[in-house]
C-alpha cells in the first residue's frame, strides 16, 4: 500500500484513504462499538449481506479521489504506529488502521469546519489514541484551511468523545437539554467549539521552555 502521511505523533499516523482500504472500510460499516455512539438512530448495520457488500465496494470506489472536498478527501485514516504499526521510516504499510477522522463544511458559517472522529477497532479503545488523533487532525486542519473555528458535536451518552474534545481544547458552547429520546432515555445535544487563537495559544504553551 502506498500512502502519504498527513500528520503523525509518537503513536498515531493520519493518512489519506487509498484503494486498498476498501476491505477495512466495508468491515467497519457493520462492526465496532462506534456504531452505538455515533447517532445510532441512523440505523447502523450489525451485518452485511454479500449483495450489500458489492454495493458498499462500488460506493467506496466511486467516491475515492475526486476534488479536494469529495467524501474521502474530507477524511483520513487513523493508524497506530511504533511496535504495532509503522516505524520511524513510515510509509511501508503506514501502520495499523483503527478508525478515521473527518471534516465537513458548516453551511451556515463559511469560517467554521465541523470535525468528527471514530475509533472503529474496539481493541484500541480507552488508550488515548482517539484524543491523540483528534489533536493531530485539529492541527492539520488549522494549518491547511483558512478557518476561524472548528466545531465538534456529540451527545451526553458519549463520555469518551466528550473527554477527548475537552483534552484537545474544545469548549462546550451550550447544551440542548433532553434534545432527543433514545432507547427510552432523554439525551442532551452538546456543541463544542475551538477558535484558532485558542489552539495557537495552547500550542505556544506546549513549546514554551
N, C-alpha and C. Protein backbone atom coordinates (compact mmCIF):
# COMPACT_ATOMS: atom_id res chain seq x y z
N UNK A 1 0.84 -1.19 0.00
CA UNK A 1 0.00 0.00 0.00
C UNK A 1 0.88 1.25 0.00
N UNK A 2 0.64 2.13 -0.92
CA UNK A 2 1.39 3.38 -0.96
C UNK A 2 0.47 4.49 -0.49
N UNK A 3 0.85 5.12 0.61
CA UNK A 3 0.04 6.22 1.13
C UNK A 3 0.94 7.27 1.74
N UNK A 4 0.59 8.51 1.52
CA UNK A 4 1.35 9.59 2.14
C UNK A 4 0.90 9.76 3.58
N UNK A 5 1.60 10.61 4.31
CA UNK A 5 1.26 10.86 5.71
C UNK A 5 0.83 12.32 5.84
N UNK A 6 -0.32 12.55 6.47
CA UNK A 6 -0.81 13.91 6.69
C UNK A 6 -0.28 14.48 7.99
N UNK A 7 -0.19 13.63 9.02
CA UNK A 7 0.28 14.08 10.33
C UNK A 7 0.66 12.84 11.12
N UNK A 8 1.59 13.01 12.07
CA UNK A 8 1.98 11.87 12.89
C UNK A 8 2.49 12.33 14.24
N UNK A 9 2.34 11.44 15.21
CA UNK A 9 2.86 11.63 16.56
C UNK A 9 3.63 10.38 16.92
N UNK A 10 3.98 10.23 18.18
CA UNK A 10 4.73 9.04 18.60
C UNK A 10 3.95 7.76 18.38
N UNK A 11 2.61 7.84 18.50
CA UNK A 11 1.80 6.62 18.43
C UNK A 11 0.85 6.56 17.25
N UNK A 12 0.53 7.69 16.67
CA UNK A 12 -0.56 7.76 15.70
C UNK A 12 -0.11 8.40 14.40
N UNK A 13 -0.63 7.88 13.29
CA UNK A 13 -0.43 8.45 11.96
C UNK A 13 -1.80 8.75 11.37
N UNK A 14 -1.93 9.88 10.71
CA UNK A 14 -3.10 10.18 9.89
C UNK A 14 -2.67 10.16 8.44
N UNK A 15 -3.37 9.40 7.63
CA UNK A 15 -3.03 9.30 6.21
C UNK A 15 -4.30 9.30 5.37
N UNK A 16 -4.20 9.61 4.08
CA UNK A 16 -5.39 9.58 3.22
C UNK A 16 -5.91 8.15 3.03
N UNK A 17 -7.16 8.05 2.66
CA UNK A 17 -7.71 6.77 2.21
C UNK A 17 -7.10 6.42 0.86
N UNK A 18 -6.85 5.12 0.65
CA UNK A 18 -6.37 4.61 -0.64
C UNK A 18 -7.24 3.43 -1.04
N UNK A 19 -7.10 3.01 -2.27
CA UNK A 19 -7.98 1.96 -2.80
C UNK A 19 -7.93 0.69 -1.97
N UNK A 20 -6.76 0.36 -1.40
CA UNK A 20 -6.62 -0.87 -0.63
C UNK A 20 -7.39 -0.84 0.69
N UNK A 21 -7.91 0.31 1.07
CA UNK A 21 -8.66 0.42 2.32
C UNK A 21 -10.09 -0.09 2.19
N UNK A 22 -10.50 -0.51 1.02
CA UNK A 22 -11.89 -0.90 0.82
C UNK A 22 -12.30 -2.03 1.76
N UNK A 23 -11.42 -3.01 2.00
CA UNK A 23 -11.78 -4.14 2.86
C UNK A 23 -12.08 -3.69 4.29
N UNK A 24 -11.19 -2.87 4.84
CA UNK A 24 -11.38 -2.44 6.21
C UNK A 24 -12.57 -1.49 6.32
N UNK A 25 -12.79 -0.68 5.30
CA UNK A 25 -13.93 0.24 5.32
C UNK A 25 -15.24 -0.54 5.33
N UNK A 26 -15.35 -1.54 4.49
CA UNK A 26 -16.56 -2.36 4.45
C UNK A 26 -16.76 -3.09 5.77
N UNK A 27 -15.67 -3.54 6.38
CA UNK A 27 -15.76 -4.22 7.68
C UNK A 27 -16.26 -3.26 8.75
N UNK A 28 -15.71 -2.06 8.79
CA UNK A 28 -16.09 -1.10 9.83
C UNK A 28 -17.57 -0.73 9.77
N UNK A 29 -18.17 -0.75 8.62
CA UNK A 29 -19.58 -0.36 8.49
C UNK A 29 -20.47 -1.17 9.43
N UNK A 30 -20.14 -2.44 9.64
CA UNK A 30 -21.02 -3.30 10.44
C UNK A 30 -20.35 -3.86 11.69
N UNK A 31 -19.22 -3.30 12.11
CA UNK A 31 -18.52 -3.79 13.29
C UNK A 31 -18.05 -2.62 14.16
N UNK A 32 -17.97 -2.87 15.45
CA UNK A 32 -17.37 -1.90 16.37
C UNK A 32 -18.38 -1.15 17.22
N UNK A 33 -17.92 -0.81 18.44
CA UNK A 33 -18.75 -0.04 19.37
C UNK A 33 -19.12 1.33 18.82
N UNK A 34 -18.29 1.88 17.94
CA UNK A 34 -18.50 3.24 17.44
C UNK A 34 -19.92 3.44 16.93
N UNK A 35 -20.52 2.36 16.38
CA UNK A 35 -21.86 2.47 15.79
C UNK A 35 -22.92 2.82 16.83
N UNK A 36 -22.67 2.49 18.09
CA UNK A 36 -23.65 2.73 19.13
C UNK A 36 -23.49 4.10 19.79
N UNK A 37 -22.47 4.85 19.37
CA UNK A 37 -22.24 6.18 19.92
C UNK A 37 -22.28 7.27 18.87
N UNK A 38 -22.27 6.92 17.61
CA UNK A 38 -22.29 7.90 16.52
C UNK A 38 -23.69 7.96 15.93
N UNK A 39 -24.61 8.62 16.65
CA UNK A 39 -26.01 8.75 16.20
C UNK A 39 -26.57 7.40 15.76
N UNK A 40 -26.71 6.44 16.69
CA UNK A 40 -27.13 5.08 16.33
C UNK A 40 -28.54 4.99 15.76
N UNK A 41 -29.35 6.03 15.98
CA UNK A 41 -30.71 6.02 15.44
C UNK A 41 -30.72 6.09 13.92
N UNK A 42 -29.55 6.35 13.31
CA UNK A 42 -29.48 6.30 11.85
C UNK A 42 -29.56 4.87 11.33
N UNK A 43 -29.44 3.89 12.22
CA UNK A 43 -29.60 2.51 11.81
C UNK A 43 -28.35 1.86 11.27
N UNK A 44 -27.25 1.94 12.02
CA UNK A 44 -26.01 1.29 11.59
C UNK A 44 -26.18 -0.22 11.58
N UNK A 45 -25.56 -0.86 10.61
CA UNK A 45 -25.73 -2.29 10.41
C UNK A 45 -25.01 -3.13 11.46
N UNK A 46 -25.54 -4.33 11.67
CA UNK A 46 -24.86 -5.32 12.50
C UNK A 46 -24.27 -6.44 11.66
N UNK A 47 -24.66 -6.50 10.41
CA UNK A 47 -24.09 -7.46 9.48
C UNK A 47 -24.26 -6.94 8.06
N UNK A 48 -23.51 -7.51 7.13
CA UNK A 48 -23.55 -7.08 5.74
C UNK A 48 -23.75 -8.30 4.85
N UNK A 49 -24.78 -8.28 4.04
CA UNK A 49 -25.02 -9.38 3.12
C UNK A 49 -24.05 -9.29 1.95
N UNK A 50 -23.83 -10.39 1.24
CA UNK A 50 -22.95 -10.34 0.07
C UNK A 50 -23.40 -9.31 -0.97
N UNK A 51 -24.71 -9.18 -1.13
CA UNK A 51 -25.23 -8.21 -2.10
C UNK A 51 -24.93 -6.78 -1.65
N UNK A 52 -25.07 -6.54 -0.34
CA UNK A 52 -24.80 -5.20 0.16
C UNK A 52 -23.31 -4.89 0.10
N UNK A 53 -22.48 -5.90 0.31
CA UNK A 53 -21.03 -5.68 0.25
C UNK A 53 -20.61 -5.24 -1.15
N UNK A 54 -21.22 -5.81 -2.17
CA UNK A 54 -20.92 -5.39 -3.55
C UNK A 54 -21.25 -3.91 -3.72
N UNK A 55 -22.40 -3.49 -3.18
CA UNK A 55 -22.80 -2.08 -3.27
C UNK A 55 -21.84 -1.19 -2.49
N UNK A 56 -21.43 -1.65 -1.30
CA UNK A 56 -20.51 -0.86 -0.48
C UNK A 56 -19.17 -0.65 -1.19
N UNK A 57 -18.68 -1.70 -1.81
CA UNK A 57 -17.40 -1.61 -2.52
C UNK A 57 -17.50 -0.66 -3.72
N UNK A 58 -18.62 -0.71 -4.41
CA UNK A 58 -18.82 0.19 -5.55
C UNK A 58 -18.93 1.63 -5.07
N UNK A 59 -19.62 1.84 -3.96
CA UNK A 59 -19.78 3.18 -3.37
C UNK A 59 -18.41 3.74 -2.99
N UNK A 60 -17.58 2.91 -2.37
CA UNK A 60 -16.23 3.33 -1.98
C UNK A 60 -15.43 3.75 -3.20
N UNK A 61 -15.44 2.92 -4.24
CA UNK A 61 -14.65 3.20 -5.45
C UNK A 61 -15.12 4.47 -6.14
N UNK A 62 -16.43 4.71 -6.15
CA UNK A 62 -16.97 5.89 -6.82
C UNK A 62 -16.56 7.18 -6.13
N UNK A 63 -16.39 7.13 -4.81
CA UNK A 63 -16.12 8.35 -4.05
C UNK A 63 -14.65 8.56 -3.70
N UNK A 64 -13.82 7.58 -4.00
CA UNK A 64 -12.40 7.74 -3.75
C UNK A 64 -11.81 8.66 -4.81
N UNK A 65 -11.00 9.60 -4.40
CA UNK A 65 -10.46 10.57 -5.36
C UNK A 65 -11.41 11.74 -5.51
N UNK A 66 -11.46 12.32 -6.66
CA UNK A 66 -12.31 13.48 -6.89
C UNK A 66 -11.62 14.76 -6.46
N UNK A 67 -12.43 15.81 -6.30
CA UNK A 67 -11.84 17.11 -5.95
C UNK A 67 -11.47 17.14 -4.47
N UNK A 68 -10.91 18.26 -4.05
CA UNK A 68 -10.35 18.37 -2.71
C UNK A 68 -11.39 18.20 -1.61
N UNK A 69 -12.66 18.41 -1.92
CA UNK A 69 -13.68 18.32 -0.90
C UNK A 69 -14.64 17.16 -1.13
N UNK A 70 -14.23 16.19 -1.95
CA UNK A 70 -15.04 14.99 -2.12
C UNK A 70 -14.99 14.16 -0.84
N UNK A 71 -15.85 13.16 -0.73
CA UNK A 71 -16.09 12.47 0.54
C UNK A 71 -14.82 11.99 1.23
N UNK A 72 -14.01 11.19 0.56
CA UNK A 72 -12.83 10.63 1.20
C UNK A 72 -11.67 11.62 1.30
N UNK A 73 -11.73 12.72 0.56
CA UNK A 73 -10.73 13.76 0.73
C UNK A 73 -11.03 14.65 1.92
N UNK A 74 -12.18 14.44 2.54
CA UNK A 74 -12.51 15.13 3.79
C UNK A 74 -12.34 14.19 4.99
N UNK A 75 -11.67 13.09 4.77
CA UNK A 75 -11.45 12.11 5.82
C UNK A 75 -9.99 11.67 5.81
N UNK A 76 -9.55 11.07 6.89
CA UNK A 76 -8.21 10.47 6.96
C UNK A 76 -8.29 9.23 7.83
N UNK A 77 -7.46 8.25 7.51
CA UNK A 77 -7.40 7.01 8.28
C UNK A 77 -6.49 7.22 9.48
N UNK A 78 -6.96 6.77 10.65
CA UNK A 78 -6.13 6.77 11.85
C UNK A 78 -5.38 5.45 11.90
N UNK A 79 -4.06 5.50 11.99
CA UNK A 79 -3.25 4.29 12.08
C UNK A 79 -2.38 4.33 13.33
N UNK A 80 -2.18 3.17 13.93
CA UNK A 80 -1.26 3.05 15.06
C UNK A 80 0.12 2.74 14.52
N UNK A 81 1.13 3.44 15.03
CA UNK A 81 2.50 3.22 14.60
C UNK A 81 3.32 2.61 15.73
N UNK A 82 4.64 2.62 15.57
CA UNK A 82 5.51 2.04 16.60
C UNK A 82 5.51 0.53 16.54
N UNK A 83 5.60 -0.14 17.68
CA UNK A 83 5.67 -1.61 17.71
C UNK A 83 4.49 -2.27 17.02
N UNK A 84 3.31 -1.57 17.05
CA UNK A 84 2.11 -2.15 16.46
C UNK A 84 1.90 -1.72 15.03
N UNK A 85 2.68 -0.75 14.57
CA UNK A 85 2.47 -0.23 13.22
C UNK A 85 3.78 0.11 12.55
N UNK A 86 3.78 1.19 11.81
CA UNK A 86 4.98 1.58 11.07
C UNK A 86 6.02 2.17 12.02
N UNK A 87 7.27 2.02 11.67
CA UNK A 87 8.35 2.61 12.47
C UNK A 87 8.62 4.03 12.05
N UNK A 88 9.78 4.53 12.44
CA UNK A 88 10.09 5.93 12.17
C UNK A 88 10.20 6.23 10.68
N UNK A 89 10.49 5.22 9.88
CA UNK A 89 10.62 5.45 8.44
C UNK A 89 9.31 5.76 7.78
N UNK A 90 8.18 5.33 8.40
CA UNK A 90 6.85 5.42 7.82
C UNK A 90 6.99 5.06 6.34
N UNK A 91 6.24 5.51 5.32
CA UNK A 91 5.18 4.63 4.85
C UNK A 91 5.34 3.12 5.09
N UNK A 92 5.63 2.31 4.11
CA UNK A 92 5.66 0.85 4.19
C UNK A 92 4.53 0.32 5.05
N UNK A 93 3.34 0.37 4.50
CA UNK A 93 2.18 -0.12 5.24
C UNK A 93 1.51 0.97 6.05
N UNK A 94 2.27 1.94 6.50
CA UNK A 94 1.79 3.09 7.23
C UNK A 94 0.87 2.71 8.38
N UNK A 95 1.28 1.78 9.22
CA UNK A 95 0.58 1.49 10.45
C UNK A 95 -0.63 0.60 10.32
N UNK A 96 -1.26 0.36 11.46
CA UNK A 96 -2.46 -0.48 11.54
C UNK A 96 -3.69 0.41 11.58
N UNK A 97 -4.60 0.32 10.61
CA UNK A 97 -5.80 1.18 10.60
C UNK A 97 -6.73 0.84 11.77
N UNK A 98 -7.17 1.88 12.50
CA UNK A 98 -8.07 1.64 13.64
C UNK A 98 -9.32 2.52 13.59
N UNK A 99 -9.42 3.42 12.63
CA UNK A 99 -10.58 4.30 12.55
C UNK A 99 -10.31 5.45 11.62
N UNK A 100 -11.13 6.50 11.71
CA UNK A 100 -10.87 7.65 10.86
C UNK A 100 -11.34 8.95 11.49
N UNK A 101 -10.87 10.05 10.91
CA UNK A 101 -11.29 11.40 11.28
C UNK A 101 -11.91 12.04 10.04
N UNK A 102 -12.71 13.09 10.26
CA UNK A 102 -13.40 13.70 9.13
C UNK A 102 -13.65 15.18 9.39
N UNK A 103 -13.99 15.88 8.34
CA UNK A 103 -14.47 17.26 8.48
C UNK A 103 -15.55 17.52 7.44
N UNK A 104 -16.39 18.48 7.71
CA UNK A 104 -17.38 18.91 6.72
C UNK A 104 -17.67 20.38 6.92
N UNK A 105 -18.18 21.00 5.89
CA UNK A 105 -18.47 22.43 5.92
C UNK A 105 -19.67 22.70 6.81
N UNK A 106 -19.61 23.82 7.50
CA UNK A 106 -20.77 24.34 8.21
C UNK A 106 -21.51 25.26 7.25
N UNK A 107 -22.67 24.81 6.77
CA UNK A 107 -23.38 25.56 5.73
C UNK A 107 -23.78 26.96 6.18
N UNK A 108 -23.94 27.16 7.48
CA UNK A 108 -24.38 28.45 7.99
C UNK A 108 -23.22 29.39 8.29
N UNK A 109 -22.00 28.86 8.28
CA UNK A 109 -20.85 29.67 8.64
C UNK A 109 -19.63 29.24 7.84
N UNK A 110 -19.23 29.99 6.82
CA UNK A 110 -18.10 29.58 5.97
C UNK A 110 -16.75 29.63 6.69
N UNK A 111 -16.72 30.22 7.89
CA UNK A 111 -15.45 30.34 8.62
C UNK A 111 -15.24 29.19 9.61
N UNK A 112 -16.13 28.21 9.58
CA UNK A 112 -16.06 27.09 10.53
C UNK A 112 -16.10 25.76 9.80
N UNK A 113 -15.29 24.81 10.26
CA UNK A 113 -15.38 23.42 9.82
C UNK A 113 -15.83 22.58 11.00
N UNK A 114 -16.68 21.62 10.74
CA UNK A 114 -17.10 20.66 11.76
C UNK A 114 -16.24 19.41 11.63
N UNK A 115 -15.83 18.84 12.74
CA UNK A 115 -14.95 17.68 12.71
C UNK A 115 -15.60 16.49 13.40
N UNK A 116 -15.12 15.30 13.03
CA UNK A 116 -15.60 14.07 13.66
C UNK A 116 -14.46 13.07 13.76
N UNK A 117 -14.65 12.08 14.62
CA UNK A 117 -13.64 11.04 14.80
C UNK A 117 -14.32 9.76 15.24
N UNK A 118 -13.80 8.62 14.79
CA UNK A 118 -14.31 7.34 15.23
C UNK A 118 -13.18 6.31 15.34
N UNK A 119 -13.05 5.69 16.50
CA UNK A 119 -12.16 4.53 16.64
C UNK A 119 -13.02 3.31 16.38
N UNK A 120 -12.77 2.65 15.26
CA UNK A 120 -13.65 1.58 14.79
C UNK A 120 -13.18 0.19 15.22
N UNK A 121 -11.97 0.08 15.74
CA UNK A 121 -11.44 -1.19 16.23
C UNK A 121 -11.50 -1.18 17.75
N UNK A 122 -12.40 -1.99 18.32
CA UNK A 122 -12.65 -1.95 19.76
C UNK A 122 -11.41 -2.22 20.59
N UNK A 123 -10.48 -3.00 20.09
CA UNK A 123 -9.27 -3.34 20.85
C UNK A 123 -8.41 -2.12 21.12
N UNK A 124 -8.64 -1.02 20.41
CA UNK A 124 -7.82 0.17 20.56
C UNK A 124 -8.54 1.29 21.31
N UNK A 125 -9.70 0.98 21.88
CA UNK A 125 -10.42 1.97 22.68
C UNK A 125 -9.74 2.13 24.05
N UNK A 126 -9.99 3.28 24.66
CA UNK A 126 -9.53 3.55 26.03
C UNK A 126 -8.01 3.54 26.18
N UNK A 127 -7.30 3.93 25.12
CA UNK A 127 -5.84 4.03 25.18
C UNK A 127 -5.36 5.47 24.95
N UNK A 128 -6.29 6.39 24.77
CA UNK A 128 -5.91 7.77 24.47
C UNK A 128 -5.58 8.00 23.02
N UNK A 129 -5.76 6.99 22.18
CA UNK A 129 -5.40 7.13 20.76
C UNK A 129 -6.37 8.06 20.03
N UNK A 130 -7.65 8.03 20.43
CA UNK A 130 -8.61 8.93 19.81
C UNK A 130 -8.29 10.38 20.09
N UNK A 131 -7.92 10.68 21.33
CA UNK A 131 -7.54 12.04 21.70
C UNK A 131 -6.31 12.49 20.91
N UNK A 132 -5.34 11.58 20.79
CA UNK A 132 -4.12 11.90 20.05
C UNK A 132 -4.42 12.15 18.58
N UNK A 133 -5.29 11.33 18.00
CA UNK A 133 -5.66 11.50 16.59
C UNK A 133 -6.43 12.80 16.39
N UNK A 134 -7.33 13.11 17.31
CA UNK A 134 -8.11 14.35 17.20
C UNK A 134 -7.19 15.56 17.28
N UNK A 135 -6.20 15.53 18.17
CA UNK A 135 -5.24 16.63 18.29
C UNK A 135 -4.47 16.83 16.98
N UNK A 136 -4.03 15.73 16.39
CA UNK A 136 -3.32 15.81 15.11
C UNK A 136 -4.21 16.38 14.02
N UNK A 137 -5.45 15.94 14.00
CA UNK A 137 -6.40 16.37 12.97
C UNK A 137 -6.70 17.87 13.10
N UNK A 138 -6.90 18.33 14.32
CA UNK A 138 -7.14 19.75 14.55
C UNK A 138 -5.96 20.58 14.05
N UNK A 139 -4.76 20.16 14.39
CA UNK A 139 -3.56 20.88 13.97
C UNK A 139 -3.45 20.89 12.45
N UNK A 140 -3.72 19.74 11.83
CA UNK A 140 -3.66 19.64 10.37
C UNK A 140 -4.69 20.57 9.72
N UNK A 141 -5.91 20.61 10.22
CA UNK A 141 -6.95 21.43 9.61
C UNK A 141 -6.65 22.91 9.76
N UNK A 142 -6.20 23.34 10.94
CA UNK A 142 -5.88 24.76 11.11
C UNK A 142 -4.69 25.17 10.24
N UNK A 143 -3.77 24.24 9.99
CA UNK A 143 -2.62 24.54 9.14
C UNK A 143 -2.96 24.49 7.66
N UNK A 144 -4.03 23.80 7.30
CA UNK A 144 -4.37 23.57 5.89
C UNK A 144 -5.46 24.50 5.38
N UNK A 145 -6.41 24.85 6.23
CA UNK A 145 -7.58 25.62 5.80
C UNK A 145 -7.63 26.96 6.54
N UNK A 146 -8.05 27.97 5.82
CA UNK A 146 -8.17 29.31 6.38
C UNK A 146 -9.52 29.44 7.08
N UNK A 147 -9.63 28.83 8.25
CA UNK A 147 -10.87 28.87 9.00
C UNK A 147 -10.60 29.48 10.37
N UNK A 148 -11.64 30.09 10.92
CA UNK A 148 -11.54 30.77 12.21
C UNK A 148 -11.79 29.82 13.37
N UNK A 149 -12.53 28.75 13.09
CA UNK A 149 -13.02 27.92 14.20
C UNK A 149 -13.31 26.50 13.72
N UNK A 150 -13.15 25.55 14.63
CA UNK A 150 -13.57 24.18 14.39
C UNK A 150 -14.70 23.85 15.37
N UNK A 151 -15.69 23.13 14.87
CA UNK A 151 -16.80 22.70 15.71
C UNK A 151 -16.80 21.18 15.86
N UNK A 152 -17.37 20.70 16.94
CA UNK A 152 -17.49 19.26 17.18
C UNK A 152 -18.79 19.04 17.93
N UNK A 153 -19.62 18.15 17.41
CA UNK A 153 -20.92 17.90 18.03
C UNK A 153 -20.99 16.47 18.55
N UNK A 154 -21.55 16.32 19.74
CA UNK A 154 -21.73 14.97 20.30
C UNK A 154 -22.95 14.97 21.20
N UNK A 155 -23.14 13.84 21.89
CA UNK A 155 -24.32 13.66 22.74
C UNK A 155 -23.88 13.27 24.15
N UNK A 156 -24.75 13.51 25.11
CA UNK A 156 -24.40 13.28 26.51
C UNK A 156 -24.15 11.81 26.83
N UNK A 157 -24.54 10.90 25.95
CA UNK A 157 -24.29 9.48 26.24
C UNK A 157 -22.95 9.00 25.67
N UNK A 158 -22.10 9.94 25.24
CA UNK A 158 -20.82 9.59 24.65
C UNK A 158 -19.67 10.20 25.46
N UNK A 159 -19.40 9.67 26.66
CA UNK A 159 -18.38 10.28 27.53
C UNK A 159 -16.97 10.26 26.94
N UNK A 160 -16.64 9.25 26.13
CA UNK A 160 -15.30 9.21 25.54
C UNK A 160 -15.08 10.39 24.61
N UNK A 161 -16.10 10.71 23.79
CA UNK A 161 -15.96 11.82 22.87
C UNK A 161 -15.87 13.14 23.63
N UNK A 162 -16.65 13.28 24.68
CA UNK A 162 -16.62 14.50 25.50
C UNK A 162 -15.24 14.70 26.10
N UNK A 163 -14.67 13.64 26.67
CA UNK A 163 -13.33 13.76 27.28
C UNK A 163 -12.28 14.11 26.24
N UNK A 164 -12.34 13.46 25.09
CA UNK A 164 -11.36 13.74 24.04
C UNK A 164 -11.44 15.20 23.59
N UNK A 165 -12.66 15.69 23.38
CA UNK A 165 -12.83 17.08 22.95
C UNK A 165 -12.24 18.04 23.98
N UNK A 166 -12.54 17.81 25.24
CA UNK A 166 -12.05 18.71 26.29
C UNK A 166 -10.53 18.66 26.42
N UNK A 167 -9.96 17.47 26.29
CA UNK A 167 -8.50 17.34 26.41
C UNK A 167 -7.78 18.07 25.28
N UNK A 168 -8.38 18.07 24.09
CA UNK A 168 -7.76 18.73 22.95
C UNK A 168 -7.90 20.25 23.03
N UNK A 169 -8.89 20.72 23.79
CA UNK A 169 -9.06 22.16 23.95
C UNK A 169 -10.40 22.71 23.51
N UNK A 170 -11.30 21.85 23.04
CA UNK A 170 -12.63 22.30 22.65
C UNK A 170 -13.40 22.77 23.89
N UNK A 171 -14.23 23.78 23.69
CA UNK A 171 -15.02 24.36 24.77
C UNK A 171 -16.50 24.04 24.53
N UNK A 172 -17.18 23.58 25.56
CA UNK A 172 -18.61 23.33 25.46
C UNK A 172 -19.32 24.67 25.32
N UNK A 173 -20.08 24.86 24.24
CA UNK A 173 -20.67 26.16 23.93
C UNK A 173 -22.16 26.23 24.24
N UNK A 174 -22.68 25.21 24.85
CA UNK A 174 -24.10 25.20 25.19
C UNK A 174 -24.55 23.77 25.44
N UNK A 175 -25.80 23.61 25.71
CA UNK A 175 -26.36 22.27 25.92
C UNK A 175 -27.84 22.33 25.58
N UNK A 176 -28.21 21.56 24.56
CA UNK A 176 -29.63 21.43 24.24
C UNK A 176 -30.15 20.26 25.06
N UNK A 177 -30.80 20.59 26.16
CA UNK A 177 -31.18 19.59 27.13
C UNK A 177 -32.28 18.68 26.61
N UNK A 178 -32.12 17.39 26.89
CA UNK A 178 -33.12 16.38 26.51
C UNK A 178 -33.61 16.62 25.08
N UNK A 179 -32.63 16.71 24.20
CA UNK A 179 -32.90 17.08 22.81
C UNK A 179 -33.42 15.92 21.99
N UNK A 180 -33.16 14.71 22.45
CA UNK A 180 -33.62 13.53 21.72
C UNK A 180 -33.89 12.40 22.69
N UNK A 181 -34.89 11.59 22.36
CA UNK A 181 -35.18 10.41 23.16
C UNK A 181 -34.62 9.19 22.44
N UNK A 182 -33.73 8.47 23.11
CA UNK A 182 -33.11 7.29 22.51
C UNK A 182 -33.14 6.14 23.51
N UNK A 183 -33.76 5.04 23.11
CA UNK A 183 -33.90 3.86 23.96
C UNK A 183 -34.51 4.23 25.31
N UNK A 184 -35.60 4.99 25.24
CA UNK A 184 -36.39 5.38 26.41
C UNK A 184 -35.65 6.31 27.37
N UNK A 185 -34.61 6.98 26.90
CA UNK A 185 -33.90 7.94 27.74
C UNK A 185 -33.72 9.25 26.96
N UNK A 186 -33.90 10.37 27.66
CA UNK A 186 -33.67 11.67 27.04
C UNK A 186 -32.20 12.02 27.12
N UNK A 187 -31.62 12.44 25.99
CA UNK A 187 -30.20 12.76 25.95
C UNK A 187 -30.00 14.20 25.48
N UNK A 188 -28.90 14.81 25.95
CA UNK A 188 -28.58 16.20 25.62
C UNK A 188 -27.68 16.26 24.38
N UNK A 189 -27.89 17.29 23.58
CA UNK A 189 -27.02 17.57 22.44
C UNK A 189 -25.96 18.56 22.90
N UNK A 190 -24.67 18.25 22.61
CA UNK A 190 -23.55 19.04 23.12
C UNK A 190 -22.70 19.59 21.98
N UNK A 191 -22.78 20.89 21.69
CA UNK A 191 -21.91 21.52 20.68
C UNK A 191 -20.63 22.06 21.31
N UNK A 192 -19.49 21.67 20.78
CA UNK A 192 -18.19 22.17 21.22
C UNK A 192 -17.59 23.05 20.13
N UNK A 193 -16.71 23.96 20.52
CA UNK A 193 -16.01 24.80 19.56
C UNK A 193 -14.58 25.07 19.99
N UNK A 194 -13.72 25.30 19.01
CA UNK A 194 -12.31 25.62 19.27
C UNK A 194 -11.89 26.72 18.30
N UNK A 195 -11.53 27.89 18.82
CA UNK A 195 -11.09 29.00 18.00
C UNK A 195 -9.63 28.84 17.61
N UNK A 196 -9.29 29.36 16.45
CA UNK A 196 -7.89 29.29 16.01
C UNK A 196 -6.95 29.90 17.04
N UNK A 197 -7.30 31.05 17.60
CA UNK A 197 -6.39 31.70 18.55
C UNK A 197 -6.24 30.87 19.82
N UNK A 198 -7.29 30.14 20.21
CA UNK A 198 -7.18 29.27 21.38
C UNK A 198 -6.23 28.12 21.10
N UNK A 199 -6.34 27.56 19.90
CA UNK A 199 -5.45 26.46 19.53
C UNK A 199 -4.01 26.95 19.46
N UNK A 200 -3.78 28.10 18.84
CA UNK A 200 -2.42 28.61 18.70
C UNK A 200 -1.84 28.98 20.05
N UNK A 201 -2.68 29.51 20.95
CA UNK A 201 -2.20 29.83 22.30
C UNK A 201 -1.80 28.57 23.04
N UNK A 202 -2.57 27.52 22.89
CA UNK A 202 -2.24 26.25 23.52
C UNK A 202 -0.98 25.64 22.96
N UNK A 203 -0.79 25.77 21.65
CA UNK A 203 0.43 25.25 21.03
C UNK A 203 1.65 26.02 21.52
N UNK A 204 1.49 27.33 21.70
CA UNK A 204 2.61 28.14 22.18
C UNK A 204 3.02 27.72 23.58
N UNK A 205 2.06 27.37 24.42
CA UNK A 205 2.35 26.92 25.77
C UNK A 205 3.12 25.62 25.75
N UNK A 206 2.76 24.71 24.80
CA UNK A 206 3.39 23.40 24.70
C UNK A 206 4.89 23.52 24.39
N UNK A 207 5.24 24.50 23.56
CA UNK A 207 6.65 24.62 23.14
C UNK A 207 7.43 25.61 23.99
N UNK A 208 6.76 26.29 24.92
CA UNK A 208 7.44 27.25 25.76
C UNK A 208 8.42 26.54 26.70
N UNK A 209 9.69 26.95 26.75
CA UNK A 209 10.67 26.27 27.59
C UNK A 209 10.37 26.44 29.07
